[in-house]
Amino acid sequence: MEFDTYDYEFLMTGIPPGYRFEPTDIELLQDYLLKKVNGEPLPYNIISECEIYGNQGKEPWKIFIETSTKTFYVFTKLKKKSKGKNIDRVAGCGTWKGQRTDPIMYEEMKIGNRKLFVFQVKGSNEGVKGHWIMHEFSLVDEEDKQIGDYVLCSIRNKNAKDGTEEEEPPMKKMRYNSEDHNPPEPTSSASPLQTLLSDWS
C-alpha cells in the first residue's frame, strides 16, 4: 500500500486533502512535543512515534518514502551510548551527523533547541538512496536541560523530485495553524455547491 496519498492522510489525520502541515518551530514545541511529553492528547494524529535509531533497518529510506518530497514528522526517544552521556545516533549502515544547534525563543525566553543533522554512511556511499536531512526539536528548562525523553524530528530527502511540472493551485497551498482545528475556508465567489464539488474533485 502507498502511504503517501491524500486519501490515506485524510483517513489517518483528519486533515482535508489539499492542505499542508507546515507548523512553525513554536507550534511544534508547544502544541505537539510538550503535549507528547506530558501525555496529553495531540491536536491531530499527524505525528507518529517512530524509532529512527538502531543497527538494523534504520536507514531513513527504509523507514520513509524515498521518492517523496514531503517532510516526515515523528516523535522518537533518544538513547545514550552504553558508556558516557553521548546520544547513540547510529541508524543502520550510517549515522545522523550533527551540523549545528539553534535556540528556539519565545517572548525572549529560550524554550527549546533545533538541531540539524545529515545522514552519513560509514565508508563507501554505495547503496545510499538520497540526501537525507533532519531537524531535531527538543524542549529545555530554565537550566537549559532537556525536558523528557522524547524529541520531535522532521526528516526529508533533499534529492527527491516531485515529478509534477505544473505548480499546484494557490488554494492547495493555504496554510493552517495547528492552534486552529478548523482549516480556513477559501475565499471564492463560487456558490457553496461549486466550492464543495471543487474540494472533492
Protein backbone atom coordinates (compact mmCIF):
# COMPACT_ATOMS: atom_id res chain seq x y z
CA MET A 1 0.00 0.00 0.00
CA GLU A 2 1.26 3.50 -0.86
CA PHE A 3 1.36 5.64 2.28
CA ASP A 4 1.90 8.97 0.54
CA THR A 5 -1.63 9.56 -0.77
CA TYR A 6 -4.10 12.29 0.15
CA ASP A 7 -6.80 9.72 0.93
CA TYR A 8 -4.61 7.90 3.45
CA GLU A 9 -3.56 11.14 5.15
CA PHE A 10 -7.16 12.29 5.44
CA LEU A 11 -8.28 8.99 6.99
CA MET A 12 -5.36 8.88 9.43
CA THR A 13 -5.12 12.55 10.41
CA GLY A 14 -8.47 14.17 9.63
CA ILE A 15 -6.71 16.89 7.61
CA PRO A 16 -8.59 17.53 4.33
CA PRO A 17 -6.82 16.82 1.02
CA GLY A 18 -5.11 19.91 -0.37
CA TYR A 19 -3.93 21.29 2.96
CA ARG A 20 -0.32 21.10 4.04
CA PHE A 21 1.11 20.54 7.51
CA GLU A 22 3.52 23.47 7.85
CA PRO A 23 3.88 24.23 11.59
CA THR A 24 6.28 26.79 12.98
CA ASP A 25 9.02 25.83 15.43
CA ILE A 26 6.97 27.28 18.30
CA GLU A 27 3.90 25.27 17.28
CA LEU A 28 5.91 22.06 17.09
CA LEU A 29 7.21 22.59 20.61
CA GLN A 30 4.09 23.94 22.33
CA ASP A 31 1.27 22.15 20.52
CA TYR A 32 2.91 18.79 19.84
CA LEU A 33 6.12 17.95 21.70
CA LEU A 34 5.05 19.44 25.03
CA LYS A 35 1.74 17.57 24.86
CA LYS A 36 3.57 14.36 23.95
CA VAL A 37 5.96 14.73 26.89
CA ASN A 38 3.06 15.43 29.27
CA GLY A 39 0.93 12.58 27.90
CA GLU A 40 -1.80 14.93 26.66
CA PRO A 41 -3.93 14.44 23.51
CA LEU A 42 -2.43 15.90 20.33
CA PRO A 43 -4.32 18.36 18.07
CA TYR A 44 -4.10 15.99 15.09
CA ASN A 45 -2.96 12.42 14.60
CA ILE A 46 -0.32 13.51 12.13
CA ILE A 47 2.91 12.93 14.10
CA SER A 48 3.52 9.29 14.96
CA GLU A 49 6.09 7.70 17.23
CA CYS A 50 8.96 6.07 15.36
CA GLU A 51 12.31 4.57 16.33
CA ILE A 52 14.80 6.06 13.89
CA TYR A 53 17.99 4.85 15.60
CA GLY A 54 19.37 1.31 15.69
CA ASN A 55 21.64 -1.12 13.87
CA GLN A 56 19.17 -2.99 11.66
CA GLY A 57 16.85 -1.46 9.04
CA LYS A 58 17.04 2.10 10.36
CA GLU A 59 18.32 3.80 7.23
CA PRO A 60 15.91 6.67 6.50
CA TRP A 61 14.94 5.31 3.06
CA LYS A 62 13.82 2.08 4.75
CA ILE A 63 11.56 3.97 7.17
CA PHE A 64 10.26 6.79 4.99
CA ILE A 65 9.27 7.08 1.34
CA GLU A 66 12.45 7.65 -0.63
CA THR A 67 10.76 9.32 -3.62
CA SER A 68 8.50 11.63 -1.61
CA THR A 69 9.23 15.37 -1.48
CA LYS A 70 7.25 15.80 1.74
CA THR A 71 8.70 16.32 5.20
CA PHE A 72 8.02 13.50 7.65
CA TYR A 73 7.38 14.36 11.30
CA VAL A 74 7.95 11.77 14.05
CA PHE A 75 8.44 11.52 17.79
CA THR A 76 11.39 9.44 18.91
CA LYS A 77 13.21 8.67 22.14
CA LEU A 78 16.91 9.38 22.40
CA LYS A 79 19.16 6.59 23.66
CA LYS A 80 22.52 7.16 25.29
CA LYS A 81 25.55 5.05 24.43
CA SER A 82 26.41 2.24 26.82
CA LYS A 83 29.29 4.27 28.21
CA GLY A 84 29.14 8.02 28.58
CA LYS A 85 26.48 10.68 28.14
CA ASN A 86 26.55 10.97 24.34
CA ILE A 87 23.47 10.06 22.32
CA ASP A 88 23.72 6.96 20.12
CA ARG A 89 22.80 8.19 16.65
CA VAL A 90 23.67 5.08 14.63
CA ALA A 91 20.99 4.31 12.05
CA GLY A 92 21.54 1.14 10.03
CA CYS A 93 24.57 1.46 7.76
CA GLY A 94 25.20 5.06 8.76
CA THR A 95 24.72 7.71 11.38
CA TRP A 96 22.97 11.05 11.83
CA LYS A 97 25.82 13.57 11.94
CA GLY A 98 25.17 16.80 13.82
CA GLN A 99 25.77 20.07 11.95
CA ARG A 100 24.57 22.89 14.18
CA THR A 101 22.21 23.80 17.03
CA ASP A 102 19.90 26.82 17.04
CA PRO A 103 17.93 28.04 20.07
CA ILE A 104 14.16 28.44 19.83
CA MET A 105 12.99 31.57 21.61
CA TYR A 106 9.53 32.57 22.81
CA GLU A 107 8.97 36.03 24.29
CA GLU A 108 12.72 36.48 24.83
CA MET A 109 12.98 33.15 26.65
CA LYS A 110 14.64 30.01 25.34
CA ILE A 111 12.17 27.11 25.30
CA GLY A 112 13.98 24.59 23.13
CA ASN A 113 16.60 23.68 20.56
CA ARG A 114 16.53 22.90 16.86
CA LYS A 115 19.43 20.70 15.80
CA LEU A 116 20.36 20.00 12.19
CA PHE A 117 21.58 16.53 11.18
CA VAL A 118 22.70 14.95 7.92
CA PHE A 119 22.62 11.20 7.33
CA GLN A 120 26.09 9.88 6.52
CA VAL A 121 27.06 6.33 5.59
CA LYS A 122 30.11 4.66 7.05
CA GLY A 123 32.77 4.11 4.41
CA SER A 124 31.57 3.90 0.80
CA ASN A 125 28.44 5.75 -0.35
CA GLU A 126 27.43 2.78 -2.48
CA GLY A 127 23.81 1.87 -1.85
CA VAL A 128 22.89 5.26 -0.39
CA LYS A 129 19.44 6.33 -1.52
CA GLY A 130 19.01 10.08 -1.34
CA HIS A 131 20.39 13.01 0.63
CA TRP A 132 18.57 12.96 3.94
CA ILE A 133 18.46 15.81 6.43
CA MET A 134 16.78 16.05 9.82
CA HIS A 135 15.83 18.79 12.25
CA GLU A 136 15.51 17.60 15.82
CA PHE A 137 13.35 19.68 18.18
CA SER A 138 13.74 19.40 21.95
CA LEU A 139 12.30 21.20 24.98
CA VAL A 140 14.58 22.71 27.62
CA ASP A 141 14.05 24.07 31.12
CA GLU A 142 15.44 27.19 32.79
CA GLU A 143 18.80 25.46 33.22
CA ASP A 144 18.94 24.52 29.52
CA LYS A 145 18.41 20.83 30.30
CA GLN A 146 16.23 18.71 28.05
CA ILE A 147 12.69 18.09 29.27
CA GLY A 148 11.52 14.49 28.87
CA ASP A 149 12.90 11.63 26.79
CA TYR A 150 11.08 12.49 23.58
CA VAL A 151 12.23 14.73 20.75
CA LEU A 152 10.33 15.69 17.61
CA CYS A 153 12.09 15.17 14.28
CA SER A 154 11.33 16.49 10.80
CA ILE A 155 13.03 14.38 8.12
CA ARG A 156 13.14 14.70 4.34
CA ASN A 157 15.07 13.58 1.29
CA LYS A 158 16.52 16.64 -0.46
CA ASN A 159 17.16 14.63 -3.63
CA ALA A 160 13.51 13.63 -4.08
CA LYS A 161 11.70 15.17 -7.01
CA ASP A 162 8.01 15.97 -7.14
CA GLY A 163 7.55 14.64 -10.67
CA THR A 164 4.88 17.20 -11.47
CA GLU A 165 5.65 20.03 -13.89
CA GLU A 166 2.68 22.23 -13.07
CA GLU A 167 2.56 24.23 -9.87
CA GLU A 168 -0.29 23.45 -7.52
CA PRO A 169 -3.20 25.91 -7.40
CA PRO A 170 -2.86 28.64 -4.73
CA MET A 171 -5.84 27.25 -2.79
CA LYS A 172 -3.99 23.98 -2.23
CA LYS A 173 -1.12 25.88 -0.63
CA MET A 174 -3.26 27.51 2.03
CA ARG A 175 -1.55 27.14 5.38
CA TYR A 176 -3.49 26.32 8.52
CA ASN A 177 -2.39 26.89 12.07
CA SER A 178 -2.22 23.91 14.43
CA GLU A 179 -3.94 26.08 17.06
CA ASP A 180 -6.95 26.29 14.78
CA HIS A 181 -8.61 22.89 14.47
CA ASN A 182 -10.81 24.08 11.61
CA PRO A 183 -8.76 24.93 8.49
CA PRO A 184 -9.70 28.32 6.94
CA GLU A 185 -12.32 28.42 4.25
CA PRO A 186 -11.02 29.56 0.84
CA THR A 187 -12.19 32.94 -0.36
CA SER A 188 -14.21 32.44 -3.52
CA SER A 189 -17.15 33.93 -5.40
CA ALA A 190 -18.38 30.43 -6.29
CA SER A 191 -21.57 29.03 -4.79
CA PRO A 192 -21.34 26.67 -1.77
CA LEU A 193 -22.19 23.72 -4.02
CA GLN A 194 -19.47 24.64 -6.52
CA THR A 195 -16.97 25.04 -3.68
CA LEU A 196 -17.90 21.65 -2.24
CA LEU A 197 -17.59 19.92 -5.61
CA SER A 198 -14.26 21.66 -6.20
CA ASP A 199 -12.94 20.49 -2.83
CA TRP A 200 -13.74 16.85 -3.59
CA SER A 201 -12.57 16.88 -7.22
